Protein backbone atom coordinates (compact mmCIF):
# COMPACT_ATOMS: atom_id res chain seq x y z
CA UNK A 1 -7.16 -11.02 -3.06
CA UNK A 2 -3.55 -10.03 -3.26
CA UNK A 3 -2.21 -6.88 -1.73
CA UNK A 4 -1.39 -3.69 -3.64
CA UNK A 5 2.28 -3.18 -3.99
CA UNK A 6 4.23 -6.33 -3.88
CA UNK A 7 4.62 -8.85 -6.58
CA UNK A 8 7.60 -11.06 -6.09
CA UNK A 9 8.40 -10.22 -2.55
CA UNK A 10 10.03 -13.47 -1.58
CA UNK A 11 12.12 -13.45 -4.71
CA UNK A 12 13.28 -9.84 -4.30
CA UNK A 13 14.25 -10.45 -0.72
CA UNK A 14 16.16 -13.59 -1.66
CA UNK A 15 17.97 -11.84 -4.48
CA UNK A 16 18.80 -8.85 -2.32
CA UNK A 17 20.24 -11.00 0.39
CA UNK A 18 22.29 -12.96 -2.08
CA UNK A 19 23.97 -9.80 -3.24
CA UNK A 20 24.40 -8.26 0.15
CA UNK A 21 28.13 -8.94 0.22
CA UNK A 22 28.67 -8.51 -3.49
CA UNK A 23 27.56 -4.95 -4.22
CA UNK A 24 29.45 -2.71 -1.89
CA UNK A 25 29.69 0.04 -4.46
CA UNK A 26 26.64 2.24 -4.71
CA UNK A 27 25.56 1.46 -1.18
CA UNK A 28 23.93 4.83 -0.88
CA UNK A 29 21.90 4.18 -3.96
CA UNK A 30 20.40 0.94 -2.86
CA UNK A 31 18.29 2.79 -0.46
CA UNK A 32 15.25 3.41 -2.43
CA UNK A 33 15.81 -0.09 -3.64
CA UNK A 34 14.75 -1.61 -0.51
CA UNK A 35 11.83 0.61 -0.48
CA UNK A 36 10.77 -0.96 -3.60
CA UNK A 37 10.91 -4.50 -2.48
CA UNK A 38 9.04 -3.74 0.55
CA UNK A 39 6.26 -2.36 -1.33
CA UNK A 40 6.11 -5.55 -3.17
CA UNK A 41 5.75 -7.48 -0.10
CA UNK A 42 2.96 -5.45 1.11
CA UNK A 43 0.72 -6.39 -1.65
CA UNK A 44 0.16 -9.98 -0.94
CA UNK A 45 -1.72 -9.76 2.28
CA UNK A 46 -4.17 -7.12 1.22
CA UNK A 47 -6.58 -9.20 -0.66
CA UNK A 48 -7.43 -12.16 1.46
CA UNK A 49 -10.75 -12.49 3.25
CA UNK A 50 -11.19 -11.66 6.86
CA UNK A 51 -12.99 -14.92 7.45
CA UNK A 52 -10.62 -17.17 5.59
CA UNK A 53 -8.15 -17.55 8.43
CA UNK A 54 -6.80 -21.10 8.42
CA UNK A 55 -4.43 -23.36 10.36
CA UNK A 56 -2.99 -21.10 12.99
CA UNK A 57 -4.61 -22.45 16.10
CA UNK A 58 -1.47 -24.30 17.16
CA UNK A 59 0.69 -21.23 16.73
CA UNK A 60 -1.88 -19.21 18.60
CA UNK A 61 -1.70 -21.57 21.52
CA UNK A 62 2.08 -21.54 21.55
CA UNK A 63 2.58 -17.83 21.11
CA UNK A 64 -0.42 -16.39 22.89
CA UNK A 65 -1.83 -18.85 25.38
CA UNK A 66 -3.59 -16.23 27.40
CA UNK A 67 -5.09 -14.33 24.48
CA UNK A 68 -8.39 -16.16 24.45
CA UNK A 69 -9.44 -15.63 28.03
CA UNK A 70 -12.58 -17.65 28.39
CA UNK A 71 -11.92 -20.23 25.69
CA UNK A 72 -12.90 -18.84 22.30
CA UNK A 73 -16.41 -17.77 23.18
CA UNK A 74 -16.82 -15.88 19.91
CA UNK A 75 -15.51 -15.71 16.37
CA UNK A 76 -14.03 -12.29 17.10
CA UNK A 77 -12.01 -13.74 19.97
CA UNK A 78 -10.70 -16.48 17.70
CA UNK A 79 -9.72 -13.92 15.08
CA UNK A 80 -7.85 -11.93 17.71
CA UNK A 81 -5.90 -15.01 18.75
CA UNK A 82 -5.07 -15.89 15.16
CA UNK A 83 -3.97 -12.32 14.52
CA UNK A 84 -1.65 -12.34 17.51
CA UNK A 85 -0.26 -15.72 16.58
CA UNK A 86 0.55 -14.40 13.12
CA UNK A 87 2.36 -11.42 14.61
CA UNK A 88 4.23 -13.65 17.04
CA UNK A 89 5.15 -16.13 14.34
CA UNK A 90 6.17 -13.50 11.79
CA UNK A 91 8.12 -11.41 14.27
CA UNK A 92 10.04 -14.39 15.60
CA UNK A 93 10.85 -15.64 12.13
CA UNK A 94 12.08 -12.29 10.83
CA UNK A 95 13.88 -11.10 13.97
CA UNK A 96 15.84 -14.31 14.40
CA UNK A 97 17.02 -14.78 10.84
CA UNK A 98 19.88 -12.69 9.43
CA UNK A 99 19.34 -9.76 7.07
CA UNK A 100 22.71 -9.45 5.32
CA UNK A 101 21.47 -6.97 2.74
CA UNK A 102 19.46 -4.76 5.05
CA UNK A 103 22.25 -4.66 7.57
CA UNK A 104 24.31 -2.68 5.04
CA UNK A 105 21.58 -0.09 4.49
CA UNK A 106 20.56 3.04 6.42
CA UNK A 107 17.58 1.38 8.09
CA UNK A 108 17.29 0.37 11.76
CA UNK A 109 18.27 -3.23 12.46
CA UNK A 110 15.68 -5.55 13.92
CA UNK A 111 17.44 -5.81 17.26
CA UNK A 112 18.31 -2.15 17.74
CA UNK A 113 16.56 0.15 20.16
CA UNK A 114 13.60 2.09 18.84
CA UNK A 115 14.77 5.68 18.32
CA UNK A 116 13.13 8.47 20.28
CA UNK A 117 14.10 11.20 17.84
CA UNK A 118 13.58 11.73 14.12
CA UNK A 119 16.11 12.47 11.38
CA UNK A 120 18.31 11.01 8.64
CA UNK A 121 20.30 7.88 9.44
CA UNK A 122 23.11 8.54 6.96
CA UNK A 123 24.56 11.92 6.15
CA UNK A 124 22.80 13.51 3.20
CA UNK A 125 25.03 13.45 0.12
CA UNK A 126 25.37 15.60 -2.97
CA UNK A 127 23.86 14.33 -6.23
CA UNK A 128 27.29 14.85 -7.83
CA UNK A 129 28.55 11.99 -5.65
CA UNK A 130 26.12 9.55 -7.27
CA UNK A 131 27.32 7.63 -10.29
CA UNK A 132 26.22 8.96 -13.66
CA UNK A 133 26.19 5.62 -15.45
CA UNK A 134 23.18 3.29 -15.15
CA UNK A 135 23.75 0.01 -13.42
CA UNK A 136 24.76 -2.83 -15.73
CA UNK A 137 22.09 -5.29 -16.78
CA UNK A 138 22.74 -8.88 -17.88
CA UNK A 139 23.76 -8.87 -21.53
CA UNK A 140 20.40 -9.82 -23.15
CA UNK A 141 18.61 -6.85 -21.56
CA UNK A 142 18.58 -3.06 -21.81
CA UNK A 143 17.04 -0.16 -19.91
CA UNK A 144 14.13 1.86 -21.21
CA UNK A 145 12.03 4.75 -19.94
CA UNK A 146 8.35 3.89 -20.23
CA UNK A 147 5.86 6.44 -21.54
CA UNK A 148 2.56 5.66 -19.85
CA UNK A 149 0.85 8.23 -22.12
CA UNK A 150 1.68 6.18 -25.21
CA UNK A 151 -1.14 3.69 -25.72
CA UNK A 152 1.10 0.92 -27.02
CA UNK A 153 3.57 1.23 -24.13
CA UNK A 154 0.76 1.53 -21.61
CA UNK A 155 -0.69 -1.72 -22.93
CA UNK A 156 2.73 -3.39 -22.60
CA UNK A 157 2.91 -2.31 -18.96
CA UNK A 158 -0.65 -3.50 -18.36
CA UNK A 159 0.07 -6.94 -19.86
CA UNK A 160 3.32 -7.33 -17.86
CA UNK A 161 1.58 -6.47 -14.59
CA UNK A 162 -1.61 -8.41 -15.27
CA UNK A 163 0.30 -11.59 -16.09
CA UNK A 164 3.22 -11.37 -13.67
CA UNK A 165 2.37 -9.07 -10.78
CA UNK A 166 0.79 -9.65 -7.39
CA UNK A 167 -1.05 -12.87 -6.63
CA UNK A 168 -2.37 -14.09 -3.30
CA UNK A 169 -0.60 -17.03 -1.68
CA UNK A 170 -3.23 -19.50 -2.92
CA UNK A 171 -3.07 -18.26 -6.53
CA UNK A 172 -6.77 -17.41 -6.52
CA UNK A 173 -6.58 -13.66 -7.25
CA UNK A 174 -4.25 -11.36 -9.16
CA UNK A 175 -4.40 -7.56 -9.26
CA UNK A 176 -5.76 -6.06 -12.46
CA UNK A 177 -4.39 -2.52 -12.67
CA UNK A 178 -6.15 -0.80 -15.57
CA UNK A 179 -4.35 1.62 -17.90
CA UNK A 180 -6.42 4.57 -16.58
CA UNK A 181 -5.49 3.57 -13.01
CA UNK A 182 -1.80 3.36 -13.90
CA UNK A 183 -1.89 6.79 -15.53
CA UNK A 184 -3.53 8.20 -12.41
CA UNK A 185 -1.06 6.48 -10.07
CA UNK A 186 2.07 7.39 -12.02
CA UNK A 187 1.41 10.96 -13.13
CA UNK A 188 0.84 13.16 -10.08
CA UNK A 189 1.99 16.79 -10.31
CA UNK A 190 5.78 16.89 -10.54
CA UNK A 191 6.19 13.30 -11.75
CA UNK A 192 9.39 12.48 -13.63
CA UNK A 193 9.15 10.29 -16.70
CA UNK A 194 12.58 8.73 -16.14
CA UNK A 195 11.31 7.33 -12.82
CA UNK A 196 9.06 5.01 -14.86
CA UNK A 197 11.77 2.49 -15.52
CA UNK A 198 11.61 -0.62 -17.66
CA UNK A 199 13.79 -3.49 -18.83
CA UNK A 200 13.48 -4.85 -22.37
CA UNK A 201 14.91 -7.87 -24.16
CA UNK A 202 17.33 -6.52 -26.76
CA UNK A 203 16.46 -9.10 -29.41
CA UNK A 204 12.70 -8.47 -29.56
CA UNK A 205 12.19 -5.36 -27.37
CA UNK A 206 9.72 -7.20 -25.14
CA UNK A 207 9.08 -5.46 -21.81
CA UNK A 208 10.06 -7.89 -19.04
CA UNK A 209 10.76 -5.66 -16.03
CA UNK A 210 9.26 -2.54 -14.50
CA UNK A 211 9.57 -0.28 -11.45
CA UNK A 212 8.30 3.22 -10.69
CA UNK A 213 8.78 6.14 -8.34
CA UNK A 214 6.65 9.20 -7.73
CA UNK A 215 7.53 12.30 -5.68
CA UNK A 216 5.92 12.86 -2.29
CA UNK A 217 6.18 15.41 0.52
CA UNK A 218 5.99 13.60 3.85
CA UNK A 219 5.96 14.87 7.41
CA UNK A 220 7.27 12.56 10.12
CA UNK A 221 6.91 13.47 13.81
CA UNK A 222 7.23 17.20 13.16
CA UNK A 223 10.59 18.96 13.10
CA UNK A 224 13.82 17.35 14.20
CA UNK A 225 17.14 18.69 15.44
CA UNK A 226 20.70 18.10 14.33
CA UNK A 227 23.94 19.45 15.70
CA UNK A 228 24.90 21.35 12.57
CA UNK A 229 21.45 22.74 11.89
CA UNK A 230 19.24 23.69 14.83
CA UNK A 231 15.86 23.14 13.19
CA UNK A 232 15.12 21.53 9.85
CA UNK A 233 12.05 21.64 7.69
CA UNK A 234 9.75 18.86 8.87
CA UNK A 235 8.42 18.35 5.34
CA UNK A 236 10.68 15.78 3.73
CA UNK A 237 10.93 15.32 -0.01
CA UNK A 238 10.65 11.57 -0.52
CA UNK A 239 9.81 9.07 -3.20
CA UNK A 240 7.14 6.38 -3.19
CA UNK A 241 8.23 3.22 -5.02
CA UNK A 242 5.73 0.91 -6.66
CA UNK A 243 5.04 -1.66 -9.38
CA UNK A 244 8.27 -3.66 -9.14
CA UNK A 245 7.63 -6.51 -11.53
CA UNK A 246 9.80 -9.04 -13.37
CA UNK A 247 8.47 -11.55 -15.86
CA UNK A 248 7.94 -14.90 -14.17
CA UNK A 249 10.26 -16.73 -16.55
CA UNK A 250 13.14 -14.36 -15.78
CA UNK A 251 13.11 -14.35 -12.00
CA UNK A 252 16.34 -16.32 -11.83
CA UNK A 253 18.15 -13.58 -13.78
CA UNK A 254 18.51 -11.28 -10.74
CA UNK A 255 16.80 -8.38 -12.47
CA UNK A 256 14.83 -7.18 -9.46
CA UNK A 257 17.83 -5.98 -7.41
CA UNK A 258 19.25 -4.17 -10.43
CA UNK A 259 15.90 -2.49 -11.07
CA UNK A 260 15.88 -1.32 -7.48
CA UNK A 261 19.43 -0.03 -7.60
CA UNK A 262 18.84 1.86 -10.82
CA UNK A 263 15.61 3.54 -9.70
CA UNK A 264 17.39 4.56 -6.50
CA UNK A 265 20.29 6.00 -8.48
CA UNK A 266 17.86 8.06 -10.53
CA UNK A 267 16.07 9.25 -7.40
CA UNK A 268 19.35 10.20 -5.70
CA UNK A 269 20.36 12.18 -8.79
CA UNK A 270 17.33 14.39 -8.13
CA UNK A 271 18.65 15.08 -4.61
CA UNK A 272 16.08 12.87 -2.88
CA UNK A 273 17.47 10.55 -0.21
CA UNK A 274 14.47 9.19 1.65
CA UNK A 275 11.70 6.82 0.63
CA UNK A 276 8.43 5.62 2.10
CA UNK A 277 7.08 2.21 1.21
CA UNK A 278 4.98 -0.64 2.53
CA UNK A 279 5.31 -4.41 2.53
CA UNK A 280 3.36 -7.43 3.67
CA UNK A 281 6.41 -8.99 5.35
CA UNK A 282 8.61 -7.92 8.23
CA UNK A 283 12.02 -6.51 7.27
CA UNK A 284 14.42 -4.18 9.09
CA UNK A 285 12.53 -2.31 10.38
CA UNK A 286 8.88 -1.29 10.25
CA UNK A 287 7.85 2.02 11.75
CA UNK A 288 4.29 0.69 11.99
CA UNK A 289 2.31 -2.49 11.47
CA UNK A 290 -1.22 -2.08 10.16
CA UNK A 291 -4.02 -4.46 9.29
CA UNK A 292 -6.53 -4.76 6.48
CA UNK A 293 -10.25 -5.08 7.13
CA UNK A 294 -12.88 -6.11 4.59
CA UNK A 295 -16.55 -5.24 4.37
CA UNK A 296 -18.66 -7.52 2.19
CA UNK A 297 -20.93 -5.78 -0.30
CA UNK A 298 -21.68 -8.84 -2.44
CA UNK A 299 -21.29 -11.67 0.09
CA UNK A 300 -22.69 -14.38 -2.18
CA UNK A 301 -20.04 -13.75 -4.83
CA UNK A 302 -17.26 -13.40 -2.24
CA UNK A 303 -18.16 -16.79 -0.78
CA UNK A 304 -18.49 -18.45 -4.18
CA UNK A 305 -15.03 -17.31 -5.28
CA UNK A 306 -13.35 -18.28 -2.00
CA UNK A 307 -12.65 -14.78 -0.73
CA UNK A 308 -14.71 -15.50 2.39
CA UNK A 309 -16.98 -18.24 3.70
CA UNK A 310 -20.19 -18.62 5.61
CA UNK A 311 -19.88 -18.00 9.32
CA UNK A 312 -20.98 -20.48 11.97
CA UNK A 313 -24.77 -21.03 12.01
CA UNK A 314 -25.14 -18.64 9.07
CA UNK A 315 -27.06 -19.37 5.90
CA UNK A 316 -26.47 -17.60 2.61
CA UNK A 317 -29.78 -15.77 2.94
CA UNK A 318 -28.94 -14.52 6.43
CA UNK A 319 -25.48 -13.45 5.30
CA UNK A 320 -26.86 -11.48 2.35
CA UNK A 321 -29.35 -9.77 4.67
CA UNK A 322 -26.61 -8.99 7.22
CA UNK A 323 -24.50 -7.09 4.69
CA UNK A 324 -27.30 -5.42 2.73
CA UNK A 325 -27.04 -1.61 2.45
CA UNK A 326 -29.61 0.95 1.26
CA UNK A 327 -29.80 1.98 -2.37
CA UNK A 328 -28.99 5.65 -1.81
CA UNK A 329 -26.93 7.77 0.62
CA UNK A 330 -28.48 8.45 4.01
CA UNK A 331 -26.86 11.83 4.66
CA UNK A 332 -28.42 14.90 3.03
CA UNK A 333 -26.22 16.94 0.73
CA UNK A 334 -23.98 14.15 -0.59
CA UNK A 335 -22.80 14.69 -4.19
CA UNK A 336 -19.78 13.84 -6.35
CA UNK A 337 -16.75 16.07 -5.85
CA UNK A 338 -16.24 18.71 -8.56
CA UNK A 339 -13.30 20.94 -9.56
CA UNK A 340 -14.90 23.87 -7.72
CA UNK A 341 -14.55 21.89 -4.47
CA UNK A 342 -10.78 21.42 -4.64
CA UNK A 343 -9.72 24.36 -2.46
CA UNK A 344 -12.18 23.45 0.29
CA UNK A 345 -11.22 19.76 0.14
CA UNK A 346 -7.56 20.80 0.47
CA UNK A 347 -8.48 22.60 3.70
CA UNK A 348 -10.38 19.59 5.02
CA UNK A 349 -7.76 16.98 4.18
CA UNK A 350 -4.62 18.91 5.12
CA UNK A 351 -6.18 20.08 8.36
CA UNK A 352 -7.25 16.55 9.24
CA UNK A 353 -3.95 14.89 8.37
CA UNK A 354 -1.90 17.18 10.61
CA UNK A 355 -3.03 15.22 13.67
CA UNK A 356 -1.11 12.11 12.52
CA UNK A 357 2.66 11.70 13.09
CA UNK A 358 3.19 10.33 9.57
CA UNK A 359 1.26 12.07 6.80
CA UNK A 360 1.66 13.60 3.34
CA UNK A 361 1.43 17.30 2.61
CA UNK A 362 -0.75 18.18 -0.38
CA UNK A 363 -1.25 21.32 -2.41
CA UNK A 364 -4.35 22.12 -4.48
CA UNK A 365 -2.95 20.59 -7.68
CA UNK A 366 -2.15 17.35 -5.89
CA UNK A 367 -5.55 17.12 -4.21
CA UNK A 368 -7.19 17.79 -7.55
CA UNK A 369 -5.17 15.00 -9.14
CA UNK A 370 -5.72 12.41 -6.40
CA UNK A 371 -9.32 13.22 -5.50
CA UNK A 372 -11.33 14.42 -8.49
CA UNK A 373 -13.50 11.51 -9.68
CA UNK A 374 -12.34 9.33 -12.56
CA UNK A 375 -14.74 6.56 -13.51
CA UNK A 376 -13.25 3.15 -12.77
CA UNK A 377 -10.34 4.70 -10.86
CA UNK A 378 -11.16 7.12 -8.02
CA UNK A 379 -14.54 8.01 -6.54
CA UNK A 380 -14.98 11.03 -4.26
CA UNK A 381 -18.07 12.60 -2.71
CA UNK A 382 -18.52 15.74 -0.66
CA UNK A 383 -21.32 16.73 1.68
CA UNK A 384 -22.62 20.21 1.06
CA UNK A 385 -24.62 22.08 3.69
CA UNK A 386 -27.79 24.02 2.96
CA UNK A 387 -25.68 27.17 2.95
CA UNK A 388 -23.45 25.77 0.20
CA UNK A 389 -20.38 24.93 2.34
CA UNK A 390 -18.58 21.62 1.82
CA UNK A 391 -18.26 20.10 5.29
CA UNK A 392 -17.31 16.45 4.76
CA UNK A 393 -15.56 14.33 2.14
CA UNK A 394 -15.20 10.60 1.51
CA UNK A 395 -13.34 8.71 -1.21
CA UNK A 396 -12.24 5.28 -2.34
CA UNK A 397 -10.26 3.96 -5.29
CA UNK A 398 -10.94 0.96 -7.49
CA UNK A 399 -8.47 -1.91 -7.65
CA UNK A 400 -10.07 -5.08 -9.01
CA UNK A 401 -8.51 -8.51 -9.06
CA UNK A 402 -8.67 -11.17 -11.72
CA UNK A 403 -10.22 -14.33 -10.29
CA UNK A 404 -8.12 -17.32 -11.32
CA UNK A 405 -9.63 -20.71 -12.06
CA UNK A 406 -13.27 -19.85 -11.46
CA UNK A 407 -15.80 -20.78 -14.14
CA UNK A 408 -18.49 -18.34 -13.01
CA UNK A 409 -16.58 -15.14 -12.24
CA UNK A 410 -13.45 -13.55 -13.71
CA UNK A 411 -13.21 -10.23 -11.82
CA UNK A 412 -13.51 -9.24 -8.17
CA UNK A 413 -14.33 -5.54 -7.82
CA UNK A 414 -12.68 -4.08 -4.73
CA UNK A 415 -12.96 -0.53 -3.37
CA UNK A 416 -10.17 0.75 -1.11
CA UNK A 417 -10.78 3.45 1.48
CA UNK A 418 -8.78 6.58 0.64
CA UNK A 419 -9.13 10.07 2.20
CA UNK A 420 -12.14 10.63 4.46
CA UNK A 421 -12.88 13.65 6.67
CA UNK A 422 -16.06 14.06 8.74
CA UNK A 423 -16.65 17.37 10.50
CA UNK A 424 -20.44 17.51 10.92
CA UNK A 425 -21.35 13.84 11.43
CA UNK A 426 -19.67 10.85 13.10
CA UNK A 427 -17.11 9.19 10.84
CA UNK A 428 -19.06 5.93 10.81
CA UNK A 429 -22.10 7.68 9.34
CA UNK A 430 -20.02 9.21 6.55
CA UNK A 431 -18.40 5.85 5.81
CA UNK A 432 -21.77 4.11 5.79
CA UNK A 433 -22.64 6.35 2.86
CA UNK A 434 -19.28 5.43 1.29
CA UNK A 435 -20.32 1.76 1.48
CA UNK A 436 -23.69 2.59 -0.09
CA UNK A 437 -22.01 4.52 -2.88
CA UNK A 438 -19.51 1.71 -3.49
CA UNK A 439 -22.33 -0.81 -3.69
CA UNK A 440 -24.15 1.45 -6.15
CA UNK A 441 -21.02 1.29 -8.33
CA UNK A 442 -21.21 -2.53 -8.25
CA UNK A 443 -18.21 -3.14 -5.98
CA UNK A 444 -18.06 -6.56 -4.30
CA UNK A 445 -15.99 -5.63 -1.25
CA UNK A 446 -14.81 -2.48 0.52
CA UNK A 447 -11.32 -2.64 2.07
CA UNK A 448 -9.80 -0.37 4.71
CA UNK A 449 -6.68 -0.26 6.85
CA UNK A 450 -6.86 0.39 10.58
CA UNK A 451 -4.98 3.66 10.01
CA UNK A 452 -5.97 7.21 10.95
CA UNK A 453 -9.30 7.09 12.79
CA UNK A 454 -10.69 4.14 10.86
CA UNK A 455 -11.16 2.12 14.03
CA UNK A 456 -14.14 4.37 14.69
CA UNK A 457 -16.14 2.70 11.93
CA UNK A 458 -14.66 -0.77 11.32
CA UNK A 459 -16.68 -2.66 13.93
CA UNK A 460 -19.75 -0.46 13.65
CA UNK A 461 -20.01 -1.07 9.89
CA UNK A 462 -19.39 -4.86 10.04
CA UNK A 463 -15.88 -4.96 8.62
CA UNK A 464 -14.13 -8.27 9.17
CA UNK A 465 -10.48 -8.47 10.11
CA UNK A 466 -8.23 -9.60 7.27
CA UNK A 467 -5.34 -12.03 7.41
CA UNK A 468 -2.99 -9.54 5.79
CA UNK A 469 -0.57 -7.25 7.60
CA UNK A 470 0.87 -4.11 6.10
CA UNK A 471 4.21 -2.82 7.36
CA UNK A 472 5.15 0.83 6.84
CA UNK A 473 8.83 1.63 6.26
CA UNK A 474 11.06 4.66 5.85
CA UNK A 475 14.42 4.51 4.14
CA UNK A 476 17.29 6.55 5.57
CA UNK A 477 15.04 8.06 8.21
CA UNK A 478 14.72 7.13 11.87
CA UNK A 479 11.73 7.92 14.04
CA UNK A 480 9.82 6.52 17.02
CA UNK A 481 7.42 3.66 16.35
CA UNK A 482 3.99 4.82 15.19
CA UNK A 483 0.74 3.08 16.08
CA UNK A 484 -1.65 2.39 13.18
CA UNK A 485 -3.88 5.20 14.46
CA UNK A 486 -0.93 7.56 13.94
CA UNK A 487 -0.49 6.69 10.26
CA UNK A 488 -2.05 9.32 8.01
CA UNK A 489 -0.76 7.91 4.73
CA UNK A 490 -2.39 5.58 2.20
CA UNK A 491 -0.18 4.22 -0.58
CA UNK A 492 -1.70 2.76 -3.73
């Protein structure tokens, strides 16, 4: 599978670097730009199988000779070596090569020291200092604001993304963002329509480019100190950038960098100067590197479509038995979340997230938007005690992928772990019920990052390590490096 958030990563990076010396004006506005690309990059790694780790033994030996210890005595040990080799290989490749575009931006350079404090990199500006005119597009194209509530425009966006967005490296899977999912992702409380930005061909009004931003309140390492202002609010108004997409036939037209610059200009005009984003590649400079894990729910289908393969000395029958889950939840009191649960779920989630150095701050409206169940989009369950108190919550969202070139299957149904809080049972028991519930909804695979406290259930529940890395980035904000277990943020 591909990875959410990152369509044409290589192309965006190439285009950005090409213009690094050409676009000195508007430097402050390119900020969110980068954010965007990064997100793109992130997407590719997310979808590949944990067991489909190829050709990296040589790199493993070169980069991590001592990683294996007793000579690859288990598959897990081999996966660890391959993982480290990938990190070694990727880090060396990206640290050693120049980053002409990123070196002009308010992000830490790859070779700089990791900061020990938190705060803006560049001085915060006034929106009046940002240009009023949109950036200039090549002559055949024009800007448009996309209305995701309009069925015809929503279908245009769906077609553009489904035909041109994220694919895995082997061109086997491509994300299939449904219209209901896009409306959920793009319309949180406080969303701004003009942050849903498109590019059309003037002659026929065809939509050929797209990029979006949504508002977010993010806390990073608590409060910080500056000379002029003793203590600043630790809650930072940021933007999350997503869905950067350019039609495949137009990727030589340099539309992606202009899309990024224009969305950043619009964000800066709203007096927002920071962004958070993710990418599957290493750029200047990640604040954290996380990893995807996959739990088979329909192993036969996953093997048949090439998402995973049979393990050593494993038959199909044994594999199906290994990953089988019960038909109904094992914990008493589990039920779908309802509107009456929102205030209690706010308490559970916001209280839980405060323990992580990087996390969003939610109010009741936002939790209601992101968590209340929507069939085919977001699934949330709460556990209610015999006294009627909601004590635990688990959730996952649906992001299927089109299966390319397979005669038997055309869709891979993937569930992605979202917000989960266990207060009365171990987390792995709550997440076991999440797997059961996902299977009951006919999902083929359940994906999770090793963020927050997810390590507590990944091994216990038979998740396999993926071959995709996910880098977390902040634009115009410095902070100490954060371990995956310190990340309390999940981006769609």
